[in-house]
């Protein structure tokens, strides 16, 4: 229990430090994101390639797993970070973060759907 609490505190400090170093502000609204609980299809990358599932919402984050092109994934929630939607997904035992531009529902980029619905531009 103590180790878990310590790790959570360390993660918070590192996130805040990373935001200061990169000049990005972490606001409560962007940190909380928005709940989705819906399905989306992986796309917008080469059919022979795979989409990396990351430990946290950043391109430089540790790769945990990958998912193939054209597969359905469960999108739990998304956040907006540096102008991009990053979505927490689940595909079987695999879970983590992917950029929303690689998720499509109803023919539109997953991030675009929610930006239109919420009036974000």
PDB file of N, CA and C in Angstrom:
ATOM      1  N   UNK A   1       0.828  -1.194   0.000  1.00  0.00           N
ATOM      2  CA  UNK A   1       0.000   0.000   0.000  1.00  0.00           C
ATOM      3  C   UNK A   1       0.866   1.249   0.000  1.00  0.00           C
ATOM      4  N   UNK A   2       1.880   1.276   0.848  1.00  0.00           N
ATOM      5  CA  UNK A   2       2.754   2.440   0.936  1.00  0.00           C
ATOM      6  C   UNK A   2       3.527   2.635  -0.362  1.00  0.00           C
ATOM      7  N   UNK A   3       3.993   1.517  -0.958  1.00  0.00           N
ATOM      8  CA  UNK A   3       4.721   1.608  -2.221  1.00  0.00           C
ATOM      9  C   UNK A   3       3.842   2.162  -3.333  1.00  0.00           C
ATOM     10  N   UNK A   4       2.577   1.740  -3.386  1.00  0.00           N
ATOM     11  CA  UNK A   4       1.653   2.232  -4.400  1.00  0.00           C
ATOM     12  C   UNK A   4       1.434   3.730  -4.242  1.00  0.00           C
ATOM     13  N   UNK A   5       1.220   4.177  -3.022  1.00  0.00           N
ATOM     14  CA  UNK A   5       1.009   5.599  -2.751  1.00  0.00           C
ATOM     15  C   UNK A   5       2.260   6.386  -3.140  1.00  0.00           C
ATOM     16  N   UNK A   6       3.415   5.856  -2.798  1.00  0.00           N
ATOM     17  CA  UNK A   6       4.680   6.510  -3.134  1.00  0.00           C
ATOM     18  C   UNK A   6       4.858   6.612  -4.642  1.00  0.00           C
ATOM     19  N   UNK A   7       4.512   5.545  -5.367  1.00  0.00           N
ATOM     20  CA  UNK A   7       4.618   5.565  -6.831  1.00  0.00           C
ATOM     21  C   UNK A   7       3.666   6.583  -7.438  1.00  0.00           C
ATOM     22  N   UNK A   8       2.457   6.688  -6.895  1.00  0.00           N
ATOM     23  CA  UNK A   8       1.482   7.667  -7.396  1.00  0.00           C
ATOM     24  C   UNK A   8       1.999   9.083  -7.181  1.00  0.00           C
ATOM     25  N   UNK A   9       2.560   9.345  -6.014  1.00  0.00           N
ATOM     26  CA  UNK A   9       3.103  10.672  -5.732  1.00  0.00           C
ATOM     27  C   UNK A   9       4.270  10.984  -6.663  1.00  0.00           C
ATOM     28  N   UNK A  10       5.123   9.998  -6.898  1.00  0.00           N
ATOM     29  CA  UNK A  10       6.257  10.181  -7.810  1.00  0.00           C
ATOM     30  C   UNK A  10       5.762  10.484  -9.213  1.00  0.00           C
ATOM     31  N   UNK A  11       4.734   9.768  -9.674  1.00  0.00           N
ATOM     32  CA  UNK A  11       4.182   9.998 -11.007  1.00  0.00           C
ATOM     33  C   UNK A  11       3.622  11.408 -11.140  1.00  0.00           C
ATOM     34  N   UNK A  12       2.950  11.895 -10.095  1.00  0.00           N
ATOM     35  CA  UNK A  12       2.388  13.249 -10.117  1.00  0.00           C
ATOM     36  C   UNK A  12       3.506  14.286 -10.206  1.00  0.00           C
ATOM     37  N   UNK A  13       4.541  14.101  -9.402  1.00  0.00           N
ATOM     38  CA  UNK A  13       5.671  15.037  -9.419  1.00  0.00           C
ATOM     39  C   UNK A  13       6.360  15.023 -10.775  1.00  0.00           C
ATOM     40  N   UNK A  14       6.592  13.843 -11.340  1.00  0.00           N
ATOM     41  CA  UNK A  14       7.251  13.748 -12.647  1.00  0.00           C
ATOM     42  C   UNK A  14       6.403  14.367 -13.751  1.00  0.00           C
ATOM     43  N   UNK A  15       5.084  14.183 -13.684  1.00  0.00           N
ATOM     44  CA  UNK A  15       4.189  14.790 -14.670  1.00  0.00           C
ATOM     45  C   UNK A  15       4.259  16.310 -14.585  1.00  0.00           C
ATOM     46  N   UNK A  16       4.199  16.840 -13.393  1.00  0.00           N
ATOM     47  CA  UNK A  16       4.271  18.293 -13.211  1.00  0.00           C
ATOM     48  C   UNK A  16       5.629  18.820 -13.670  1.00  0.00           C
ATOM     49  N   UNK A  17       6.706  18.101 -13.330  1.00  0.00           N
ATOM     50  CA  UNK A  17       8.044  18.515 -13.748  1.00  0.00           C
ATOM     51  C   UNK A  17       8.159  18.492 -15.272  1.00  0.00           C
ATOM     52  N   UNK A  18       7.624  17.443 -15.911  1.00  0.00           N
ATOM     53  CA  UNK A  18       7.653  17.344 -17.376  1.00  0.00           C
ATOM     54  C   UNK A  18       6.901  18.492 -18.026  1.00  0.00           C
ATOM     55  N   UNK A  19       5.789  18.884 -17.435  1.00  0.00           N
ATOM     56  CA  UNK A  19       5.012  20.000 -17.979  1.00  0.00           C
ATOM     57  C   UNK A  19       5.797  21.295 -17.863  1.00  0.00           C
ATOM     58  N   UNK A  20       6.514  21.484 -16.756  1.00  0.00           N
ATOM     59  CA  UNK A  20       7.313  22.695 -16.582  1.00  0.00           C
ATOM     60  C   UNK A  20       8.479  22.737 -17.566  1.00  0.00           C
ATOM     61  N   UNK A  21       9.144  21.602 -17.741  1.00  0.00           N
ATOM     62  CA  UNK A  21      10.300  21.543 -18.639  1.00  0.00           C
ATOM     63  C   UNK A  21       9.892  21.803 -20.082  1.00  0.00           C
ATOM     64  N   UNK A  22       8.765  21.203 -20.511  1.00  0.00           N
ATOM     65  CA  UNK A  22       8.331  21.357 -21.894  1.00  0.00           C
ATOM     66  C   UNK A  22       7.519  22.625 -22.112  1.00  0.00           C
ATOM     67  N   UNK A  23       7.172  23.330 -21.053  1.00  0.00           N
ATOM     68  CA  UNK A  23       6.410  24.567 -21.181  1.00  0.00           C
ATOM     69  C   UNK A  23       4.920  24.337 -21.361  1.00  0.00           C
ATOM     70  N   UNK A  24       4.457  23.106 -21.143  1.00  0.00           N
ATOM     71  CA  UNK A  24       3.036  22.810 -21.293  1.00  0.00           C
ATOM     72  C   UNK A  24       2.358  22.903 -19.936  1.00  0.00           C
ATOM     73  N   UNK A  25       1.192  23.471 -19.923  1.00  0.00           N
ATOM     74  CA  UNK A  25       0.432  23.563 -18.679  1.00  0.00           C
ATOM     75  C   UNK A  25      -0.499  22.367 -18.579  1.00  0.00           C
ATOM     76  N   UNK A  26      -0.583  21.792 -17.413  1.00  0.00           N
ATOM     77  CA  UNK A  26      -1.532  20.714 -17.160  1.00  0.00           C
ATOM     78  C   UNK A  26      -2.699  21.333 -16.416  1.00  0.00           C
ATOM     79  N   UNK A  27      -3.820  21.444 -17.093  1.00  0.00           N
ATOM     80  CA  UNK A  27      -4.995  22.036 -16.477  1.00  0.00           C
ATOM     81  C   UNK A  27      -5.921  20.932 -15.991  1.00  0.00           C
ATOM     82  N   UNK A  28      -6.751  21.205 -14.997  1.00  0.00           N
ATOM     83  CA  UNK A  28      -7.667  20.169 -14.509  1.00  0.00           C
ATOM     84  C   UNK A  28      -8.565  19.611 -15.605  1.00  0.00           C
ATOM     85  N   UNK A  29      -9.053  20.461 -16.507  1.00  0.00           N
ATOM     86  CA  UNK A  29      -9.953  19.992 -17.566  1.00  0.00           C
ATOM     87  C   UNK A  29      -9.236  19.053 -18.522  1.00  0.00           C
ATOM     88  N   UNK A  30      -8.023  19.403 -18.944  1.00  0.00           N
ATOM     89  CA  UNK A  30      -7.314  18.538 -19.882  1.00  0.00           C
ATOM     90  C   UNK A  30      -6.817  17.275 -19.198  1.00  0.00           C
ATOM     91  N   UNK A  31      -6.480  17.369 -17.924  1.00  0.00           N
ATOM     92  CA  UNK A  31      -6.017  16.191 -17.190  1.00  0.00           C
ATOM     93  C   UNK A  31      -7.160  15.203 -16.986  1.00  0.00           C
ATOM     94  N   UNK A  32      -8.360  15.713 -16.728  1.00  0.00           N
ATOM     95  CA  UNK A  32      -9.505  14.846 -16.507  1.00  0.00           C
ATOM     96  C   UNK A  32      -9.983  14.229 -17.815  1.00  0.00           C
ATOM     97  N   UNK A  33      -9.931  14.989 -18.903  1.00  0.00           N
ATOM     98  CA  UNK A  33     -10.370  14.477 -20.198  1.00  0.00           C
ATOM     99  C   UNK A  33     -11.869  14.290 -20.267  1.00  0.00           C
ATOM    100  N   UNK A  34     -12.274  13.340 -21.097  1.00  0.00           N
ATOM    101  CA  UNK A  34     -13.695  13.053 -21.242  1.00  0.00           C
ATOM    102  C   UNK A  34     -13.895  11.549 -21.367  1.00  0.00           C
ATOM    103  N   UNK A  35     -14.965  11.071 -20.760  1.00  0.00           N
ATOM    104  CA  UNK A  35     -15.292   9.646 -20.779  1.00  0.00           C
ATOM    105  C   UNK A  35     -15.887   9.290 -22.133  1.00  0.00           C
ATOM    106  N   UNK A  36     -15.590   8.100 -22.597  1.00  0.00           N
ATOM    107  CA  UNK A  36     -16.072   7.666 -23.902  1.00  0.00           C
ATOM    108  C   UNK A  36     -16.878   6.374 -23.777  1.00  0.00           C
ATOM    109  N   UNK A  37     -16.231   5.297 -23.327  1.00  0.00           N
ATOM    110  CA  UNK A  37     -16.853   3.977 -23.237  1.00  0.00           C
ATOM    111  C   UNK A  37     -17.585   3.601 -24.523  1.00  0.00           C
ATOM    112  N   UNK A  38     -16.835   3.565 -25.614  1.00  0.00           N
ATOM    113  CA  UNK A  38     -17.387   3.241 -26.927  1.00  0.00           C
ATOM    114  C   UNK A  38     -16.327   2.499 -27.733  1.00  0.00           C
ATOM    115  N   UNK A  39     -16.733   1.956 -28.859  1.00  0.00           N
ATOM    116  CA  UNK A  39     -15.830   1.204 -29.731  1.00  0.00           C
ATOM    117  C   UNK A  39     -15.361   2.073 -30.886  1.00  0.00           C
ATOM    118  N   UNK A  40     -14.138   1.840 -31.322  1.00  0.00           N
ATOM    119  CA  UNK A  40     -13.574   2.530 -32.490  1.00  0.00           C
ATOM    120  C   UNK A  40     -12.680   1.544 -33.229  1.00  0.00           C
ATOM    121  N   UNK A  41     -12.416   1.856 -34.486  1.00  0.00           N
ATOM    122  CA  UNK A  41     -11.589   0.998 -35.329  1.00  0.00           C
ATOM    123  C   UNK A  41     -10.231   1.658 -35.537  1.00  0.00           C
ATOM    124  N   UNK A  42      -9.166   0.861 -35.500  1.00  0.00           N
ATOM    125  CA  UNK A  42      -7.822   1.385 -35.734  1.00  0.00           C
ATOM    126  C   UNK A  42      -7.613   1.593 -37.231  1.00  0.00           C
ATOM    127  N   UNK A  43      -7.109   2.771 -37.602  1.00  0.00           N
ATOM    128  CA  UNK A  43      -6.919   3.105 -39.016  1.00  0.00           C
ATOM    129  C   UNK A  43      -5.968   4.291 -39.138  1.00  0.00           C
ATOM    130  N   UNK A  44      -5.865   4.861 -40.328  1.00  0.00           N
ATOM    131  CA  UNK A  44      -5.027   6.028 -40.619  1.00  0.00           C
ATOM    132  C   UNK A  44      -3.537   5.744 -40.456  1.00  0.00           C
ATOM    133  N   UNK A  45      -3.151   4.488 -40.635  1.00  0.00           N
ATOM    134  CA  UNK A  45      -1.746   4.095 -40.731  1.00  0.00           C
ATOM    135  C   UNK A  45      -1.685   2.926 -41.709  1.00  0.00           C
ATOM    136  N   UNK A  46      -0.499   2.601 -42.190  1.00  0.00           N
ATOM    137  CA  UNK A  46      -0.333   1.574 -43.223  1.00  0.00           C
ATOM    138  C   UNK A  46      -0.935   0.235 -42.776  1.00  0.00           C
ATOM    139  N   UNK A  47      -1.661  -0.429 -43.677  1.00  0.00           N
ATOM    140  CA  UNK A  47      -2.319  -1.693 -43.325  1.00  0.00           C
ATOM    141  C   UNK A  47      -1.379  -2.785 -42.816  1.00  0.00           C
ATOM    142  N   UNK A  48      -0.120  -2.753 -43.211  1.00  0.00           N
ATOM    143  CA  UNK A  48       0.843  -3.765 -42.759  1.00  0.00           C
ATOM    144  C   UNK A  48       1.520  -3.372 -41.440  1.00  0.00           C
ATOM    145  N   UNK A  49       1.272  -2.170 -40.971  1.00  0.00           N
ATOM    146  CA  UNK A  49       1.908  -1.665 -39.763  1.00  0.00           C
ATOM    147  C   UNK A  49       1.016  -1.949 -38.546  1.00  0.00           C
ATOM    148  N   UNK A  50       1.517  -1.631 -37.359  1.00  0.00           N
ATOM    149  CA  UNK A  50       0.737  -1.779 -36.133  1.00  0.00           C
ATOM    150  C   UNK A  50       0.725  -0.457 -35.377  1.00  0.00           C
ATOM    151  N   UNK A  51      -0.275  -0.294 -34.536  1.00  0.00           N
ATOM    152  CA  UNK A  51      -0.423   0.899 -33.713  1.00  0.00           C
ATOM    153  C   UNK A  51       0.128   0.597 -32.321  1.00  0.00           C
ATOM    154  N   UNK A  52       1.089   1.388 -31.888  1.00  0.00           N
ATOM    155  CA  UNK A  52       1.700   1.188 -30.574  1.00  0.00           C
ATOM    156  C   UNK A  52       0.754   1.634 -29.464  1.00  0.00           C
ATOM    157  N   UNK A  53       0.629   0.800 -28.465  1.00  0.00           N
ATOM    158  CA  UNK A  53      -0.124   1.131 -27.261  1.00  0.00           C
ATOM    159  C   UNK A  53       0.900   1.548 -26.221  1.00  0.00           C
ATOM    160  N   UNK A  54       0.740   2.770 -25.704  1.00  0.00           N
ATOM    161  CA  UNK A  54       1.743   3.384 -24.827  1.00  0.00           C
ATOM    162  C   UNK A  54       1.325   3.365 -23.359  1.00  0.00           C
ATOM    163  N   UNK A  55       2.322   3.477 -22.478  1.00  0.00           N
ATOM    164  CA  UNK A  55       2.083   3.472 -21.030  1.00  0.00           C
ATOM    165  C   UNK A  55       1.353   4.729 -20.570  1.00  0.00           C
ATOM    166  N   UNK A  56       1.622   5.859 -21.205  1.00  0.00           N
ATOM    167  CA  UNK A  56       0.945   7.111 -20.878  1.00  0.00           C
ATOM    168  C   UNK A  56       0.760   7.892 -22.173  1.00  0.00           C
ATOM    169  N   UNK A  57      -0.033   8.941 -22.189  1.00  0.00           N
ATOM    170  CA  UNK A  57      -0.383   9.643 -23.424  1.00  0.00           C
ATOM    171  C   UNK A  57       0.733  10.533 -23.971  1.00  0.00           C
ATOM    172  N   UNK A  58       1.729   9.921 -24.592  1.00  0.00           N
ATOM    173  CA  UNK A  58       2.833  10.653 -25.210  1.00  0.00           C
ATOM    174  C   UNK A  58       3.534   9.733 -26.204  1.00  0.00           C
ATOM    175  N   UNK A  59       3.959  10.295 -27.317  1.00  0.00           N
ATOM    176  CA  UNK A  59       4.630   9.506 -28.358  1.00  0.00           C
ATOM    177  C   UNK A  59       5.939   8.905 -27.867  1.00  0.00           C
ATOM    178  N   UNK A  60       6.594   9.534 -26.915  1.00  0.00           N
ATOM    179  CA  UNK A  60       7.861   9.034 -26.399  1.00  0.00           C
ATOM    180  C   UNK A  60       7.685   8.057 -25.229  1.00  0.00           C
ATOM    181  N   UNK A  61       6.453   7.773 -24.872  1.00  0.00           N
ATOM    182  CA  UNK A  61       6.154   6.884 -23.755  1.00  0.00           C
ATOM    183  C   UNK A  61       6.555   5.442 -24.076  1.00  0.00           C
ATOM    184  N   UNK A  62       6.748   4.664 -23.040  1.00  0.00           N
ATOM    185  CA  UNK A  62       7.093   3.251 -23.179  1.00  0.00           C
ATOM    186  C   UNK A  62       6.015   2.507 -23.953  1.00  0.00           C
ATOM    187  N   UNK A  63       6.431   1.696 -24.916  1.00  0.00           N
ATOM    188  CA  UNK A  63       5.505   0.860 -25.681  1.00  0.00           C
ATOM    189  C   UNK A  63       5.169  -0.372 -24.852  1.00  0.00           C
ATOM    190  N   UNK A  64       3.863  -0.596 -24.624  1.00  0.00           N
ATOM    191  CA  UNK A  64       3.413  -1.744 -23.842  1.00  0.00           C
ATOM    192  C   UNK A  64       2.995  -2.911 -24.723  1.00  0.00           C
ATOM    193  N   UNK A  65       2.406  -2.590 -25.874  1.00  0.00           N
ATOM    194  CA  UNK A  65       1.875  -3.599 -26.783  1.00  0.00           C
ATOM    195  C   UNK A  65       1.568  -2.910 -28.113  1.00  0.00           C
ATOM    196  N   UNK A  66       0.908  -3.617 -28.995  1.00  0.00           N
ATOM    197  CA  UNK A  66       0.466  -3.007 -30.253  1.00  0.00           C
ATOM    198  C   UNK A  66      -0.834  -3.670 -30.695  1.00  0.00           C
ATOM    199  N   UNK A  67      -1.508  -3.023 -31.628  1.00  0.00           N
ATOM    200  CA  UNK A  67      -2.742  -3.564 -32.192  1.00  0.00           C
ATOM    201  C   UNK A  67      -2.665  -3.376 -33.710  1.00  0.00           C
ATOM    202  N   UNK A  68      -3.219  -4.312 -34.429  1.00  0.00           N
ATOM    203  CA  UNK A  68      -3.145  -4.297 -35.890  1.00  0.00           C
ATOM    204  C   UNK A  68      -4.151  -3.321 -36.503  1.00  0.00           C
ATOM    205  N   UNK A  69      -3.902  -2.971 -37.736  1.00  0.00           N
ATOM    206  CA  UNK A  69      -4.768  -2.089 -38.527  1.00  0.00           C
ATOM    207  C   UNK A  69      -6.145  -2.735 -38.703  1.00  0.00           C
ATOM    208  N   UNK A  70      -7.194  -1.927 -38.596  1.00  0.00           N
ATOM    209  CA  UNK A  70      -8.556  -2.385 -38.856  1.00  0.00           C
ATOM    210  C   UNK A  70      -9.218  -3.160 -37.728  1.00  0.00           C
ATOM    211  N   UNK A  71      -8.628  -3.180 -36.551  1.00  0.00           N
ATOM    212  CA  UNK A  71      -9.197  -3.906 -35.411  1.00  0.00           C
ATOM    213  C   UNK A  71     -10.066  -2.981 -34.557  1.00  0.00           C
ATOM    214  N   UNK A  72     -11.098  -3.550 -33.973  1.00  0.00           N
ATOM    215  CA  UNK A  72     -11.962  -2.799 -33.070  1.00  0.00           C
ATOM    216  C   UNK A  72     -11.355  -2.806 -31.674  1.00  0.00           C
ATOM    217  N   UNK A  73     -11.354  -1.637 -31.049  1.00  0.00           N
ATOM    218  CA  UNK A  73     -10.846  -1.492 -29.690  1.00  0.00           C
ATOM    219  C   UNK A  73     -11.885  -0.751 -28.852  1.00  0.00           C
ATOM    220  N   UNK A  74     -11.895  -1.026 -27.572  1.00  0.00           N
ATOM    221  CA  UNK A  74     -12.782  -0.316 -26.636  1.00  0.00           C
ATOM    222  C   UNK A  74     -12.055   0.946 -26.176  1.00  0.00           C
ATOM    223  N   UNK A  75     -12.664   2.099 -26.381  1.00  0.00           N
ATOM    224  CA  UNK A  75     -12.092   3.371 -25.943  1.00  0.00           C
ATOM    225  C   UNK A  75     -12.739   3.734 -24.617  1.00  0.00           C
ATOM    226  N   UNK A  76     -11.918   3.797 -23.571  1.00  0.00           N
ATOM    227  CA  UNK A  76     -12.450   4.094 -22.240  1.00  0.00           C
ATOM    228  C   UNK A  76     -12.630   5.583 -22.026  1.00  0.00           C
ATOM    229  N   UNK A  77     -11.568   6.343 -22.282  1.00  0.00           N
ATOM    230  CA  UNK A  77     -11.633   7.793 -22.109  1.00  0.00           C
ATOM    231  C   UNK A  77     -10.529   8.425 -22.926  1.00  0.00           C
ATOM    232  N   UNK A  78     -10.614   9.735 -23.107  1.00  0.00           N
ATOM    233  CA  UNK A  78      -9.613  10.485 -23.853  1.00  0.00           C
ATOM    234  C   UNK A  78      -9.271  11.766 -23.099  1.00  0.00           C
ATOM    235  N   UNK A  79      -8.089  12.255 -23.368  1.00  0.00           N
ATOM    236  CA  UNK A  79      -7.679  13.560 -22.864  1.00  0.00           C
ATOM    237  C   UNK A  79      -7.129  14.352 -24.031  1.00  0.00           C
ATOM    238  N   UNK A  80      -7.100  15.648 -23.885  1.00  0.00           N
ATOM    239  CA  UNK A  80      -6.508  16.502 -24.912  1.00  0.00           C
ATOM    240  C   UNK A  80      -5.164  16.971 -24.379  1.00  0.00           C
ATOM    241  N   UNK A  81      -4.117  16.629 -25.117  1.00  0.00           N
ATOM    242  CA  UNK A  81      -2.765  16.963 -24.691  1.00  0.00           C
ATOM    243  C   UNK A  81      -2.014  17.533 -25.886  1.00  0.00           C
ATOM    244  N   UNK A  82      -1.521  18.750 -25.744  1.00  0.00           N
ATOM    245  CA  UNK A  82      -0.772  19.432 -26.813  1.00  0.00           C
ATOM    246  C   UNK A  82      -1.558  19.442 -28.123  1.00  0.00           C
ATOM    247  N   UNK A  83      -2.869  19.666 -28.030  1.00  0.00           N
ATOM    248  CA  UNK A  83      -3.701  19.787 -29.223  1.00  0.00           C
ATOM    249  C   UNK A  83      -4.142  18.474 -29.838  1.00  0.00           C
ATOM    250  N   UNK A  84      -3.762  17.347 -29.247  1.00  0.00           N
ATOM    251  CA  UNK A  84      -4.154  16.028 -29.753  1.00  0.00           C
ATOM    252  C   UNK A  84      -4.992  15.300 -28.722  1.00  0.00           C
ATOM    253  N   UNK A  85      -5.898  14.478 -29.223  1.00  0.00           N
ATOM    254  CA  UNK A  85      -6.634  13.591 -28.337  1.00  0.00           C
ATOM    255  C   UNK A  85      -5.795  12.338 -28.137  1.00  0.00           C
ATOM    256  N   UNK A  86      -5.585  11.961 -26.897  1.00  0.00           N
ATOM    257  CA  UNK A  86      -4.952  10.696 -26.551  1.00  0.00           C
ATOM    258  C   UNK A  86      -6.019   9.876 -25.853  1.00  0.00           C
ATOM    259  N   UNK A  87      -6.215   8.654 -26.315  1.00  0.00           N
ATOM    260  CA  UNK A  87      -7.305   7.833 -25.805  1.00  0.00           C
ATOM    261  C   UNK A  87      -6.773   6.570 -25.134  1.00  0.00           C
ATOM    262  N   UNK A  88      -7.348   6.259 -23.988  1.00  0.00           N
ATOM    263  CA  UNK A  88      -7.020   5.023 -23.291  1.00  0.00           C
ATOM    264  C   UNK A  88      -7.901   3.931 -23.871  1.00  0.00           C
ATOM    265  N   UNK A  89      -7.244   2.897 -24.414  1.00  0.00           N
ATOM    266  CA  UNK A  89      -7.986   1.833 -25.087  1.00  0.00           C
ATOM    267  C   UNK A  89      -7.742   0.491 -24.418  1.00  0.00           C
ATOM    268  N   UNK A  90      -8.595  -0.451 -24.794  1.00  0.00           N
ATOM    269  CA  UNK A  90      -8.460  -1.837 -24.345  1.00  0.00           C
ATOM    270  C   UNK A  90      -8.766  -2.743 -25.532  1.00  0.00           C
ATOM    271  N   UNK A  91      -7.882  -3.705 -25.749  1.00  0.00           N
ATOM    272  CA  UNK A  91      -8.082  -4.742 -26.776  1.00  0.00           C
ATOM    273  C   UNK A  91      -7.636  -6.053 -26.152  1.00  0.00           C
ATOM    274  N   UNK A  92      -8.596  -6.862 -25.689  1.00  0.00           N
ATOM    275  CA  UNK A  92      -8.255  -8.093 -24.973  1.00  0.00           C
ATOM    276  C   UNK A  92      -7.487  -7.755 -23.718  1.00  0.00           C
ATOM    277  N   UNK A  93      -6.333  -8.374 -23.525  1.00  0.00           N
ATOM    278  CA  UNK A  93      -5.491  -8.116 -22.345  1.00  0.00           C
ATOM    279  C   UNK A  93      -4.654  -6.854 -22.504  1.00  0.00           C
ATOM    280  N   UNK A  94      -4.598  -6.313 -23.718  1.00  0.00           N
ATOM    281  CA  UNK A  94      -3.788  -5.121 -23.987  1.00  0.00           C
ATOM    282  C   UNK A  94      -4.559  -3.875 -23.584  1.00  0.00           C
ATOM    283  N   UNK A  95      -3.885  -2.956 -22.908  1.00  0.00           N
ATOM    284  CA  UNK A  95      -4.503  -1.667 -22.601  1.00  0.00           C
ATOM    285  C   UNK A  95      -3.431  -0.609 -22.470  1.00  0.00           C
ATOM    286  N   UNK A  96      -3.800   0.623 -22.775  1.00  0.00           N
ATOM    287  CA  UNK A  96      -2.886   1.751 -22.694  1.00  0.00           C
ATOM    288  C   UNK A  96      -3.395   2.893 -23.549  1.00  0.00           C
ATOM    289  N   UNK A  97      -2.478   3.773 -23.973  1.00  0.00           N
ATOM    290  CA  UNK A  97      -2.838   5.015 -24.650  1.00  0.00           C
ATOM    291  C   UNK A  97      -2.405   5.012 -26.113  1.00  0.00           C
ATOM    292  N   UNK A  98      -3.281   5.535 -26.978  1.00  0.00           N
ATOM    293  CA  UNK A  98      -2.957   5.740 -28.389  1.00  0.00           C
ATOM    294  C   UNK A  98      -3.438   7.134 -28.786  1.00  0.00           C
ATOM    295  N   UNK A  99      -2.840   7.675 -29.829  1.00  0.00           N
ATOM    296  CA  UNK A  99      -3.287   8.968 -30.337  1.00  0.00           C
ATOM    297  C   UNK A  99      -4.635   8.785 -31.030  1.00  0.00           C
ATOM    298  N   UNK A 100      -5.585   9.656 -30.730  1.00  0.00           N
ATOM    299  CA  UNK A 100      -6.942   9.561 -31.270  1.00  0.00           C
ATOM    300  C   UNK A 100      -7.040   9.657 -32.774  1.00  0.00           C
ATOM    301  N   UNK A 101      -6.009  10.196 -33.438  1.00  0.00           N
ATOM    302  CA  UNK A 101      -6.058  10.292 -34.907  1.00  0.00           C
ATOM    303  C   UNK A 101      -6.048   8.920 -35.561  1.00  0.00           C
ATOM    304  N   UNK A 102      -5.648   7.888 -34.819  1.00  0.00           N
ATOM    305  CA  UNK A 102      -5.599   6.532 -35.358  1.00  0.00           C
ATOM    306  C   UNK A 102      -6.825   5.708 -35.001  1.00  0.00           C
ATOM    307  N   UNK A 103      -7.844   6.365 -34.473  1.00  0.00           N
ATOM    308  CA  UNK A 103      -9.098   5.702 -34.128  1.00  0.00           C
ATOM    309  C   UNK A 103     -10.221   6.363 -34.909  1.00  0.00           C
ATOM    310  N   UNK A 104     -11.057   5.545 -35.533  1.00  0.00           N
ATOM    311  CA  UNK A 104     -12.144   6.074 -36.350  1.00  0.00           C
ATOM    312  C   UNK A 104     -13.455   5.413 -35.959  1.00  0.00           C
ATOM    313  N   UNK A 105     -14.482   6.246 -35.938  1.00  0.00           N
ATOM    314  CA  UNK A 105     -15.838   5.753 -35.720  1.00  0.00           C
ATOM    315  C   UNK A 105     -16.751   6.498 -36.684  1.00  0.00           C
ATOM    316  N   UNK A 106     -17.526   5.771 -37.449  1.00  0.00           N
ATOM    317  CA  UNK A 106     -18.443   6.392 -38.399  1.00  0.00           C
ATOM    318  C   UNK A 106     -17.740   7.182 -39.498  1.00  0.00           C
ATOM    319  N   UNK A 107     -16.528   6.781 -39.869  1.00  0.00           N
ATOM    320  CA  UNK A 107     -15.813   7.426 -40.961  1.00  0.00           C
ATOM    321  C   UNK A 107     -15.043   8.682 -40.581  1.00  0.00           C
ATOM    322  N   UNK A 108     -15.119   9.096 -39.329  1.00  0.00           N
ATOM    323  CA  UNK A 108     -14.399  10.289 -38.886  1.00  0.00           C
ATOM    324  C   UNK A 108     -13.345   9.911 -37.857  1.00  0.00           C
ATOM    325  N   UNK A 109     -12.268  10.689 -37.837  1.00  0.00           N
ATOM    326  CA  UNK A 109     -11.252  10.516 -36.816  1.00  0.00           C
ATOM    327  C   UNK A 109     -11.904  10.621 -35.450  1.00  0.00           C
ATOM    328  N   UNK A 110     -11.529   9.757 -34.556  1.00  0.00           N
ATOM    329  CA  UNK A 110     -12.159   9.701 -33.248  1.00  0.00           C
ATOM    330  C   UNK A 110     -12.098  11.038 -32.522  1.00  0.00           C
ATOM    331  N   UNK A 111     -10.955  11.700 -32.560  1.00  0.00           N
ATOM    332  CA  UNK A 111     -10.827  13.004 -31.915  1.00  0.00           C
ATOM    333  C   UNK A 111     -11.759  14.035 -32.521  1.00  0.00           C
ATOM    334  N   UNK A 112     -11.900  14.038 -33.851  1.00  0.00           N
ATOM    335  CA  UNK A 112     -12.767  15.004 -34.529  1.00  0.00           C
ATOM    336  C   UNK A 112     -14.222  14.849 -34.105  1.00  0.00           C
ATOM    337  N   UNK A 113     -14.653  13.612 -33.925  1.00  0.00           N
ATOM    338  CA  UNK A 113     -16.041  13.364 -33.523  1.00  0.00           C
ATOM    339  C   UNK A 113     -16.338  14.073 -32.207  1.00  0.00           C
ATOM    340  N   UNK A 114     -15.450  13.940 -31.242  1.00  0.00           N
ATOM    341  CA  UNK A 114     -15.691  14.533 -29.926  1.00  0.00           C
ATOM    342  C   UNK A 114     -15.476  16.037 -29.915  1.00  0.00           C
ATOM    343  N   UNK A 115     -14.584  16.525 -30.742  1.00  0.00           N
ATOM    344  CA  UNK A 115     -14.398  17.977 -30.831  1.00  0.00           C
ATOM    345  C   UNK A 115     -15.649  18.630 -31.412  1.00  0.00           C
ATOM    346  N   UNK A 116     -16.242  18.015 -32.411  1.00  0.00           N
ATOM    347  CA  UNK A 116     -17.472  18.548 -33.007  1.00  0.00           C
ATOM    348  C   UNK A 116     -18.618  18.473 -31.986  1.00  0.00           C
ATOM    349  N   UNK A 117     -18.740  17.305 -31.312  1.00  0.00           N
ATOM    350  CA  UNK A 117     -19.829  17.108 -30.352  1.00  0.00           C
ATOM    351  C   UNK A 117     -19.762  18.114 -29.196  1.00  0.00           C
ATOM    352  N   UNK A 118     -18.551  18.439 -28.746  1.00  0.00           N
ATOM    353  CA  UNK A 118     -18.398  19.337 -27.619  1.00  0.00           C
ATOM    354  C   UNK A 118     -18.114  20.779 -28.040  1.00  0.00           C
ATOM    355  N   UNK A 119     -18.053  21.035 -29.349  1.00  0.00           N
ATOM    356  CA  UNK A 119     -17.806  22.385 -29.825  1.00  0.00           C
ATOM    357  C   UNK A 119     -16.369  22.839 -29.669  1.00  0.00           C
ATOM    358  N   UNK A 120     -15.413  21.878 -29.575  1.00  0.00           N
ATOM    359  CA  UNK A 120     -14.012  22.238 -29.449  1.00  0.00           C
ATOM    360  C   UNK A 120     -13.401  22.395 -30.818  1.00  0.00           C
ATOM    361  N   UNK A 121     -12.581  23.397 -30.998  1.00  0.00           N
ATOM    362  CA  UNK A 121     -11.895  23.609 -32.284  1.00  0.00           C
ATOM    363  C   UNK A 121     -10.453  23.964 -32.030  1.00  0.00           C
TER     364      UNK A 121
END
